[in-house]
C-alpha atoms as a PDB file:
ATOM      1  CA  MET A   1      21.575   6.979 -23.078  1.00  0.00           C
ATOM      2  CA  ARG A   2      21.175  10.342 -21.326  1.00  0.00           C
ATOM      3  CA  LYS A   3      17.425  10.376 -22.114  1.00  0.00           C
ATOM      4  CA  LEU A   4      17.049   6.845 -20.710  1.00  0.00           C
ATOM      5  CA  ALA A   5      18.905   7.778 -17.515  1.00  0.00           C
ATOM      6  CA  GLY A   6      16.689  10.862 -17.086  1.00  0.00           C
ATOM      7  CA  SER A   7      13.554   8.779 -17.537  1.00  0.00           C
ATOM      8  CA  LEU A   8      14.791   6.261 -14.979  1.00  0.00           C
ATOM      9  CA  VAL A   9      15.358   9.042 -12.441  1.00  0.00           C
ATOM     10  CA  VAL A  10      11.794  10.309 -12.955  1.00  0.00           C
ATOM     11  CA  VAL A  11      10.309   6.804 -12.576  1.00  0.00           C
ATOM     12  CA  LEU A  12      12.321   6.167  -9.397  1.00  0.00           C
ATOM     13  CA  ALA A  13      11.331   9.552  -7.976  1.00  0.00           C
ATOM     14  CA  LEU A  14       7.660   8.835  -8.624  1.00  0.00           C
ATOM     15  CA  ALA A  15       7.912   5.400  -7.056  1.00  0.00           C
ATOM     16  CA  PHE A  16       9.620   6.712  -3.937  1.00  0.00           C
ATOM     17  CA  THR A  17       7.065   9.487  -3.465  1.00  0.00           C
ATOM     18  CA  GLY A  18       4.139   7.120  -3.891  1.00  0.00           C
ATOM     19  CA  CYS A  19       2.976   8.713  -7.141  1.00  0.00           C
ATOM     20  CA  ALA A  20       3.600   5.579  -9.163  1.00  0.00           C
ATOM     21  CA  SER A  21       2.462   2.046  -8.584  1.00  0.00           C
ATOM     22  CA  LEU A  22       4.253  -1.237  -9.142  1.00  0.00           C
ATOM     23  CA  GLU A  23       0.895  -2.724  -9.987  1.00  0.00           C
ATOM     24  CA  SER A  24      -0.204  -2.526 -13.589  1.00  0.00           C
ATOM     25  CA  PRO A  25      -3.766  -1.267 -14.059  1.00  0.00           C
ATOM     26  CA  SER A  26      -4.791  -4.695 -15.336  1.00  0.00           C
ATOM     27  CA  SER A  27      -3.586  -6.379 -12.114  1.00  0.00           C
ATOM     28  CA  LEU A  28      -6.040  -4.312 -10.051  1.00  0.00           C
ATOM     29  CA  ASN A  29      -9.378  -5.921 -10.835  1.00  0.00           C
ATOM     30  CA  THR A  30     -12.186  -3.866  -9.306  1.00  0.00           C
ATOM     31  CA  SER A  31     -14.957  -6.015 -10.809  1.00  0.00           C
ATOM     32  CA  ALA A  32     -13.798  -9.315  -9.275  1.00  0.00           C
ATOM     33  CA  PRO A  33     -15.358 -10.665  -6.067  1.00  0.00           C
ATOM     34  CA  LEU A  34     -14.223  -8.775  -2.981  1.00  0.00           C
ATOM     35  CA  ALA A  35     -10.848  -9.799  -1.599  1.00  0.00           C
ATOM     36  CA  ASN A  36     -10.674 -10.477   2.142  1.00  0.00           C
ATOM     37  CA  ALA A  37      -8.422  -7.809   3.698  1.00  0.00           C
ATOM     38  CA  THR A  38      -9.242  -8.730   7.315  1.00  0.00           C
ATOM     39  CA  GLY A  39      -6.306  -9.624   9.517  1.00  0.00           C
ATOM     40  CA  ALA A  40      -2.938  -8.662  10.871  1.00  0.00           C
ATOM     41  CA  TRP A  41      -0.478  -7.943   8.070  1.00  0.00           C
ATOM     42  CA  SER A  42       3.254  -7.257   8.379  1.00  0.00           C
ATOM     43  CA  GLY A  43       6.226  -6.646   6.150  1.00  0.00           C
ATOM     44  CA  TRP A  44       8.520  -3.912   4.870  1.00  0.00           C
ATOM     45  CA  ALA A  45       8.311  -0.741   2.796  1.00  0.00           C
ATOM     46  CA  GLY A  46      11.157   0.990   1.022  1.00  0.00           C
ATOM     47  CA  VAL A  47      14.532  -0.157  -0.194  1.00  0.00           C
ATOM     48  CA  GLY A  48      18.000  -0.431   1.307  1.00  0.00           C
ATOM     49  CA  GLY A  49      18.724   1.734   4.324  1.00  0.00           C
ATOM     50  CA  GLU A  50      15.395   3.526   3.923  1.00  0.00           C
ATOM     51  CA  ALA A  51      13.298   0.373   4.464  1.00  0.00           C
ATOM     52  CA  ALA A  52      10.925   0.409   7.432  1.00  0.00           C
ATOM     53  CA  PRO A  53       8.850  -2.288   9.129  1.00  0.00           C
ATOM     54  CA  VAL A  54       5.114  -2.073   8.446  1.00  0.00           C
ATOM     55  CA  SER A  55       2.206  -3.476  10.426  1.00  0.00           C
ATOM     56  CA  LEU A  56      -1.384  -3.188   9.230  1.00  0.00           C
ATOM     57  CA  ASN A  57      -4.399  -4.504  11.137  1.00  0.00           C
ATOM     58  CA  LEU A  58      -7.702  -4.449   9.260  1.00  0.00           C
ATOM     59  CA  SER A  59     -11.292  -5.494   9.838  1.00  0.00           C
ATOM     60  CA  GLN A  60     -13.743  -5.651   6.948  1.00  0.00           C
ATOM     61  CA  SER A  61     -17.514  -5.387   6.671  1.00  0.00           C
ATOM     62  CA  GLY A  62     -18.599  -5.873   3.073  1.00  0.00           C
ATOM     63  CA  SER A  63     -16.441  -3.543   1.007  1.00  0.00           C
ATOM     64  CA  ASN A  64     -15.612  -1.231   3.948  1.00  0.00           C
ATOM     65  CA  VAL A  65     -12.390  -1.643   5.906  1.00  0.00           C
ATOM     66  CA  LYS A  66     -10.957   0.050   8.976  1.00  0.00           C
ATOM     67  CA  GLY A  67      -7.938  -0.474  11.175  1.00  0.00           C
ATOM     68  CA  ASP A  68      -4.486   0.829  12.033  1.00  0.00           C
ATOM     69  CA  ILE A  69      -1.196   1.125  10.165  1.00  0.00           C
ATOM     70  CA  ASP A  70       2.303   1.689  11.525  1.00  0.00           C
ATOM     71  CA  VAL A  71       5.108   2.382   9.062  1.00  0.00           C
ATOM     72  CA  GLY A  72       8.280   2.533  11.093  1.00  0.00           C
ATOM     73  CA  GLY A  73       6.650   4.850  13.633  1.00  0.00           C
ATOM     74  CA  ARG A  74       6.502   7.697  11.103  1.00  0.00           C
ATOM     75  CA  PRO A  75       3.666  10.057  12.096  1.00  0.00           C
ATOM     76  CA  ASP A  76       2.805  10.787   8.440  1.00  0.00           C
ATOM     77  CA  LEU A  77       2.307   7.053   7.739  1.00  0.00           C
ATOM     78  CA  THR A  78       1.017   5.792  11.093  1.00  0.00           C
ATOM     79  CA  GLY A  79      -2.448   5.791  12.670  1.00  0.00           C
ATOM     80  CA  PRO A  80      -6.058   4.790  12.127  1.00  0.00           C
ATOM     81  CA  VAL A  81      -7.145   4.054   8.534  1.00  0.00           C
ATOM     82  CA  VAL A  82     -10.483   3.653   6.767  1.00  0.00           C
ATOM     83  CA  GLY A  83     -11.151   2.566   3.229  1.00  0.00           C
ATOM     84  CA  THR A  84     -12.714   0.185   0.767  1.00  0.00           C
ATOM     85  CA  VAL A  85     -12.002  -3.000  -1.123  1.00  0.00           C
ATOM     86  CA  GLN A  86     -13.212  -3.211  -4.715  1.00  0.00           C
ATOM     87  CA  GLY A  87     -12.292  -6.571  -6.201  1.00  0.00           C
ATOM     88  CA  ASN A  88      -8.601  -6.872  -5.311  1.00  0.00           C
ATOM     89  CA  ALA A  89      -7.996  -3.100  -5.069  1.00  0.00           C
ATOM     90  CA  LEU A  90      -7.539  -1.794  -1.520  1.00  0.00           C
ATOM     91  CA  SER A  91      -7.934   1.969  -0.984  1.00  0.00           C
ATOM     92  CA  LEU A  92      -7.018   3.386   2.435  1.00  0.00           C
ATOM     93  CA  SER A  93      -7.027   6.880   3.928  1.00  0.00           C
ATOM     94  CA  LEU A  94      -5.241   7.917   7.093  1.00  0.00           C
ATOM     95  CA  GLN A  95      -7.711   9.427   9.539  1.00  0.00           C
ATOM     96  CA  SER A  96      -4.977  11.703  10.897  1.00  0.00           C
ATOM     97  CA  GLY A  97      -5.506  14.063   7.976  1.00  0.00           C
ATOM     98  CA  PHE A  98      -2.373  13.084   6.051  1.00  0.00           C
ATOM     99  CA  GLY A  99      -4.495  11.854   3.129  1.00  0.00           C
ATOM    100  CA  SER A 100      -4.836   8.680   1.134  1.00  0.00           C
ATOM    101  CA  LEU A 101      -2.334   5.941   0.538  1.00  0.00           C
ATOM    102  CA  PRO A 102      -1.919   4.825  -3.083  1.00  0.00           C
ATOM    103  CA  VAL A 103      -4.246   1.984  -4.128  1.00  0.00           C
ATOM    104  CA  MET A 104      -2.786  -1.396  -3.209  1.00  0.00           C
ATOM    105  CA  LYS A 105      -3.400  -4.912  -4.470  1.00  0.00           C
ATOM    106  CA  VAL A 106      -4.741  -7.442  -1.955  1.00  0.00           C
ATOM    107  CA  SER A 107      -4.638 -11.196  -2.504  1.00  0.00           C
ATOM    108  CA  GLN A 108      -5.254 -14.163  -0.236  1.00  0.00           C
ATOM    109  CA  ASP A 109      -1.902 -13.839   1.539  1.00  0.00           C
ATOM    110  CA  GLN A 110      -0.336 -10.565   0.392  1.00  0.00           C
ATOM    111  CA  ILE A 111      -0.893  -6.812   0.134  1.00  0.00           C
ATOM    112  CA  SER A 112       1.436  -4.963  -2.217  1.00  0.00           C
ATOM    113  CA  GLY A 113       1.839  -1.464  -3.541  1.00  0.00           C
ATOM    114  CA  VAL A 114       4.029   1.617  -3.401  1.00  0.00           C
ATOM    115  CA  ILE A 115       3.893   4.120  -0.543  1.00  0.00           C
ATOM    116  CA  LEU A 116       5.965   7.193   0.287  1.00  0.00           C
ATOM    117  CA  LEU A 117       8.990   5.070   1.262  1.00  0.00           C
ATOM    118  CA  GLY A 118       8.819   2.938  -1.879  1.00  0.00           C
ATOM    119  CA  PRO A 119       7.640  -0.590  -2.660  1.00  0.00           C
ATOM    120  CA  MET A 120       5.695  -2.311   0.122  1.00  0.00           C
ATOM    121  CA  THR A 121       4.876  -6.005   0.545  1.00  0.00           C
ATOM    122  CA  LEU A 122       2.869  -7.294   3.498  1.00  0.00           C
ATOM    123  CA  THR A 123       1.908 -10.848   4.383  1.00  0.00           C
ATOM    124  CA  ARG A 124      -1.011 -11.974   6.504  1.00  0.00           C
ATOM    125  CA  GLY A 125      -0.092 -13.233   9.980  1.00  0.00           C
ATOM    126  CA  LYS A 126      -0.810 -16.837  10.753  1.00  0.00           C
END
């Protein structure tokens, strides 16, 4: 039981620091046709009292994407982004120098993944 509890703590720590992904490798299909990431996306990241509102606006040209992200106004997770879409895998980097966000899964109406605050789910605005 103690070993299981220790493993759970490590998994939760990785998820909350963005080092782990909720997406299984098989759910990120980089050889499928390009997903359309263009649009205004919104939702939440994190759990419980640590959850923060997220807005992501993207434009896409081929496999290249660019836009802006705002995660609860946090300077380390807010600002201009650039990246690529490969199949349904969305890779973004913050242009502010804070580095890359973990690879996310994009579908017709949802972007999901794990960022520094924890699990994130965004839906496309109508």
